[in-house]
């Protein structure tokens, strides 16, 4: 099973990642039809009352999904208004809002999705701007990546994980982010399709 997630609007009207996941869920690209029974799409929300409630609700929801679906791969997505390309996060760190998520946990974990190091090339072959990043930020994006990798190690789970940042949608330039770059939904749909397909191919090679 492949768990693919995004976020509902977070302190603003729209969230590009949530709209991407809802779009894939309701209208699966033809390229993914052959593996549709292995895909599950979820859009997440957290209690933003405080840092602690965000942390607690994120980890509770993530653990619920890991237990429910027992995925082999987790592909998390979120929006990054400052980015002008699809950005593959290479590392999740033990930090959330500039404080340690848990001082007893390791400092960081490397993303380990199958075929990770070829993703930029695969996307750029299809004229989709892409890059790698070693800083997923200090919000829920880094948190969910780190926590997923931590739970895999601490609970002896078998899933691999990665986080993908996408630019905001064109309509968000009008409503909220007038200075940001943007990427249309059709392109982010294509990007995630490529990422999923490539990871599946690499998994098969390892079997």
Protein backbone atom coordinates (compact mmCIF):
# COMPACT_ATOMS: atom_id res chain seq x y z
CA UNK A 1 0.00 0.00 0.00
CA UNK A 2 1.16 3.55 -0.78
CA UNK A 3 -0.09 6.30 1.52
CA UNK A 4 -0.17 9.72 -0.17
CA UNK A 5 -1.14 12.74 1.91
CA UNK A 6 -1.61 16.49 1.78
CA UNK A 7 -2.92 19.13 4.18
CA UNK A 8 -6.22 20.95 4.40
CA UNK A 9 -5.95 24.74 4.43
CA UNK A 10 -3.61 25.79 7.20
CA UNK A 11 -4.20 29.31 8.48
CA UNK A 12 -5.38 30.42 5.00
CA UNK A 13 -8.18 29.77 2.51
CA UNK A 14 -6.49 27.24 0.21
CA UNK A 15 -3.75 24.63 0.43
CA UNK A 16 -2.24 23.42 -2.83
CA UNK A 17 -1.33 20.02 -1.37
CA UNK A 18 -4.84 19.31 -0.14
CA UNK A 19 -6.31 20.24 -3.49
CA UNK A 20 -3.75 18.04 -5.24
CA UNK A 21 -4.62 15.00 -3.13
CA UNK A 22 -8.36 15.55 -3.47
CA UNK A 23 -7.91 15.85 -7.24
CA UNK A 24 -5.97 12.58 -7.46
CA UNK A 25 -8.48 10.85 -5.23
CA UNK A 26 -11.47 11.88 -7.33
CA UNK A 27 -9.82 11.66 -10.75
CA UNK A 28 -6.95 9.17 -10.79
CA UNK A 29 -4.51 9.64 -13.69
CA UNK A 30 -4.59 6.85 -16.25
CA UNK A 31 -0.94 6.04 -15.53
CA UNK A 32 -1.90 4.99 -11.99
CA UNK A 33 -4.96 2.92 -12.84
CA UNK A 34 -3.00 -0.34 -12.78
CA UNK A 35 -2.02 0.23 -9.14
CA UNK A 36 -5.18 1.94 -7.91
CA UNK A 37 -5.83 -0.81 -5.35
CA UNK A 38 -2.46 -0.06 -3.77
CA UNK A 39 -3.03 3.69 -3.43
CA UNK A 40 -4.72 5.55 -0.61
CA UNK A 41 -5.09 9.33 -0.50
CA UNK A 42 -5.64 11.27 2.72
CA UNK A 43 -5.87 15.01 3.44
CA UNK A 44 -4.83 15.86 6.99
CA UNK A 45 -5.80 18.60 9.40
CA UNK A 46 -4.46 19.38 12.85
CA UNK A 47 -5.68 21.26 15.90
CA UNK A 48 -3.80 24.56 15.59
CA UNK A 49 -4.82 25.88 19.02
CA UNK A 50 -1.21 25.62 20.18
CA UNK A 51 2.13 24.11 19.25
CA UNK A 52 1.41 21.15 21.51
CA UNK A 53 -2.02 20.45 20.03
CA UNK A 54 -0.57 20.60 16.51
CA UNK A 55 2.15 18.15 17.50
CA UNK A 56 -0.20 15.77 19.28
CA UNK A 57 -2.91 15.71 16.63
CA UNK A 58 -0.40 15.29 13.80
CA UNK A 59 1.29 12.30 15.39
CA UNK A 60 -2.00 10.76 16.47
CA UNK A 61 -3.41 11.00 12.94
CA UNK A 62 -0.21 9.68 11.39
CA UNK A 63 -0.13 6.69 13.72
CA UNK A 64 -3.78 6.02 12.96
CA UNK A 65 -3.06 5.95 9.22
CA UNK A 66 0.04 3.79 9.61
CA UNK A 67 -1.95 1.27 11.66
CA UNK A 68 -4.96 1.36 9.35
CA UNK A 69 -3.16 1.00 6.01
CA UNK A 70 0.20 -0.54 6.98
CA UNK A 71 1.79 1.15 3.96
CA UNK A 72 5.04 0.17 2.28
CA UNK A 73 5.57 3.77 1.17
CA UNK A 74 4.51 7.14 2.50
CA UNK A 75 4.57 10.14 0.16
CA UNK A 76 3.66 13.31 2.04
CA UNK A 77 2.99 16.60 0.29
CA UNK A 78 2.66 20.21 1.40
CA UNK A 79 2.73 23.65 -0.13
CA UNK A 80 5.72 26.00 -0.06
CA UNK A 81 4.89 29.54 -1.23
CA UNK A 82 8.60 30.38 -1.43
CA UNK A 83 9.38 27.57 -3.91
CA UNK A 84 9.13 27.74 -7.69
CA UNK A 85 9.56 24.02 -8.32
CA UNK A 86 8.63 20.60 -7.00
CA UNK A 87 11.04 20.07 -4.11
CA UNK A 88 12.01 16.69 -2.72
CA UNK A 89 12.93 16.87 0.94
CA UNK A 90 15.96 14.72 1.73
CA UNK A 91 15.87 14.88 5.52
CA UNK A 92 13.48 15.23 8.45
CA UNK A 93 14.86 16.75 11.64
CA UNK A 94 13.82 16.59 15.28
CA UNK A 95 12.47 20.13 15.38
CA UNK A 96 9.05 21.74 15.24
CA UNK A 97 8.51 25.47 15.65
CA UNK A 98 12.18 25.77 16.73
CA UNK A 99 11.83 23.29 19.59
CA UNK A 100 12.69 19.60 19.65
CA UNK A 101 9.79 17.32 18.81
CA UNK A 102 11.06 14.97 21.50
CA UNK A 103 14.48 15.35 23.16
CA UNK A 104 14.70 11.57 23.56
CA UNK A 105 14.50 10.94 19.82
CA UNK A 106 17.37 11.00 17.27
CA UNK A 107 18.37 14.31 15.70
CA UNK A 108 17.32 13.44 12.15
CA UNK A 109 16.42 10.75 9.64
CA UNK A 110 17.15 10.60 5.91
CA UNK A 111 14.23 10.23 3.50
CA UNK A 112 14.32 6.74 2.06
CA UNK A 113 11.72 6.42 -0.69
CA UNK A 114 12.72 3.95 -3.39
CA UNK A 115 14.44 5.75 -6.27
CA UNK A 116 14.79 9.01 -4.33
CA UNK A 117 18.03 10.09 -5.97
CA UNK A 118 16.60 9.86 -9.49
CA UNK A 119 13.42 11.83 -8.86
CA UNK A 120 14.74 15.22 -9.93
CA UNK A 121 15.94 13.79 -13.23
CA UNK A 122 12.67 11.94 -13.82
CA UNK A 123 10.65 15.11 -13.24
CA UNK A 124 12.88 17.33 -15.35
CA UNK A 125 12.67 14.85 -18.24
CA UNK A 126 8.98 15.80 -18.35
CA UNK A 127 9.81 19.53 -18.14
CA UNK A 128 8.68 19.82 -14.53
CA UNK A 129 11.05 22.04 -12.50
CA UNK A 130 12.43 20.06 -9.57
CA UNK A 131 15.08 20.19 -6.89
CA UNK A 132 16.22 18.63 -3.61
CA UNK A 133 16.18 20.32 -0.23
CA UNK A 134 17.86 19.59 3.09
CA UNK A 135 15.54 21.80 5.11
CA UNK A 136 11.83 20.96 5.20
CA UNK A 137 11.10 23.88 7.50
CA UNK A 138 9.81 24.18 11.04
CA UNK A 139 6.15 23.39 10.55
CA UNK A 140 4.01 20.31 9.94
CA UNK A 141 5.83 19.43 6.72
CA UNK A 142 9.11 18.57 8.41
CA UNK A 143 7.26 17.15 11.41
CA UNK A 144 5.28 14.55 9.49
CA UNK A 145 8.35 13.41 7.55
CA UNK A 146 10.46 13.11 10.69
CA UNK A 147 7.71 11.37 12.67
CA UNK A 148 7.03 8.87 9.89
CA UNK A 149 10.70 7.94 9.67
CA UNK A 150 10.97 7.80 13.46
CA UNK A 151 7.94 5.54 13.86
CA UNK A 152 9.30 3.20 11.18
CA UNK A 153 12.48 2.74 13.19
CA UNK A 154 11.07 2.81 16.71
CA UNK A 155 8.11 0.54 16.00
CA UNK A 156 9.91 -1.73 13.52
CA UNK A 157 7.57 -0.77 10.68
CA UNK A 158 8.54 -1.42 7.09
CA UNK A 159 7.49 1.76 5.30
CA UNK A 160 9.76 4.20 3.44
CA UNK A 161 8.99 7.93 3.46
CA UNK A 162 9.53 11.17 1.60
CA UNK A 163 8.08 14.67 1.70
CA UNK A 164 7.35 16.66 -1.46
CA UNK A 165 6.90 20.43 -1.35
CA UNK A 166 4.89 21.95 -4.20
CA UNK A 167 4.40 25.60 -5.16
CA UNK A 168 1.07 27.28 -4.52
CA UNK A 169 -1.70 27.27 -7.11
CA UNK A 170 -2.28 30.22 -9.48
CA UNK A 171 -5.49 31.18 -7.64
CA UNK A 172 -3.47 31.53 -4.44
CA UNK A 173 -1.35 34.24 -6.08
CA UNK A 174 -4.53 36.25 -6.47
CA UNK A 175 -5.91 35.57 -3.01
CA UNK A 176 -2.97 35.24 -0.62
CA UNK A 177 0.55 35.04 -2.08
CA UNK A 178 0.95 37.85 -4.66
CA UNK A 179 4.77 37.64 -4.69
CA UNK A 180 5.07 33.86 -4.94
CA UNK A 181 5.74 31.59 -7.87
CA UNK A 182 2.98 29.13 -8.68
CA UNK A 183 2.36 25.83 -10.44
CA UNK A 184 -0.92 24.72 -12.02
CA UNK A 185 -2.73 21.71 -10.65
CA UNK A 186 -2.24 19.75 -13.88
CA UNK A 187 1.53 19.98 -13.44
CA UNK A 188 1.56 18.96 -9.78
CA UNK A 189 -0.73 16.04 -10.65
CA UNK A 190 1.74 14.98 -13.31
CA UNK A 191 4.65 15.40 -10.91
CA UNK A 192 3.13 13.22 -8.22
CA UNK A 193 2.16 10.62 -10.80
CA UNK A 194 5.80 10.45 -11.92
CA UNK A 195 7.02 10.18 -8.33
CA UNK A 196 4.61 7.37 -7.47
CA UNK A 197 5.29 5.48 -10.69
CA UNK A 198 9.06 5.77 -10.32
CA UNK A 199 9.00 4.62 -6.70
CA UNK A 200 6.88 1.61 -7.64
CA UNK A 201 9.26 0.63 -10.44
CA UNK A 202 12.23 0.86 -8.09
CA UNK A 203 10.42 -1.22 -5.48
CA UNK A 204 9.76 -3.95 -8.01
CA UNK A 205 13.46 -4.02 -8.94
CA UNK A 206 14.33 -4.69 -5.30
CA UNK A 207 11.91 -7.59 -4.92
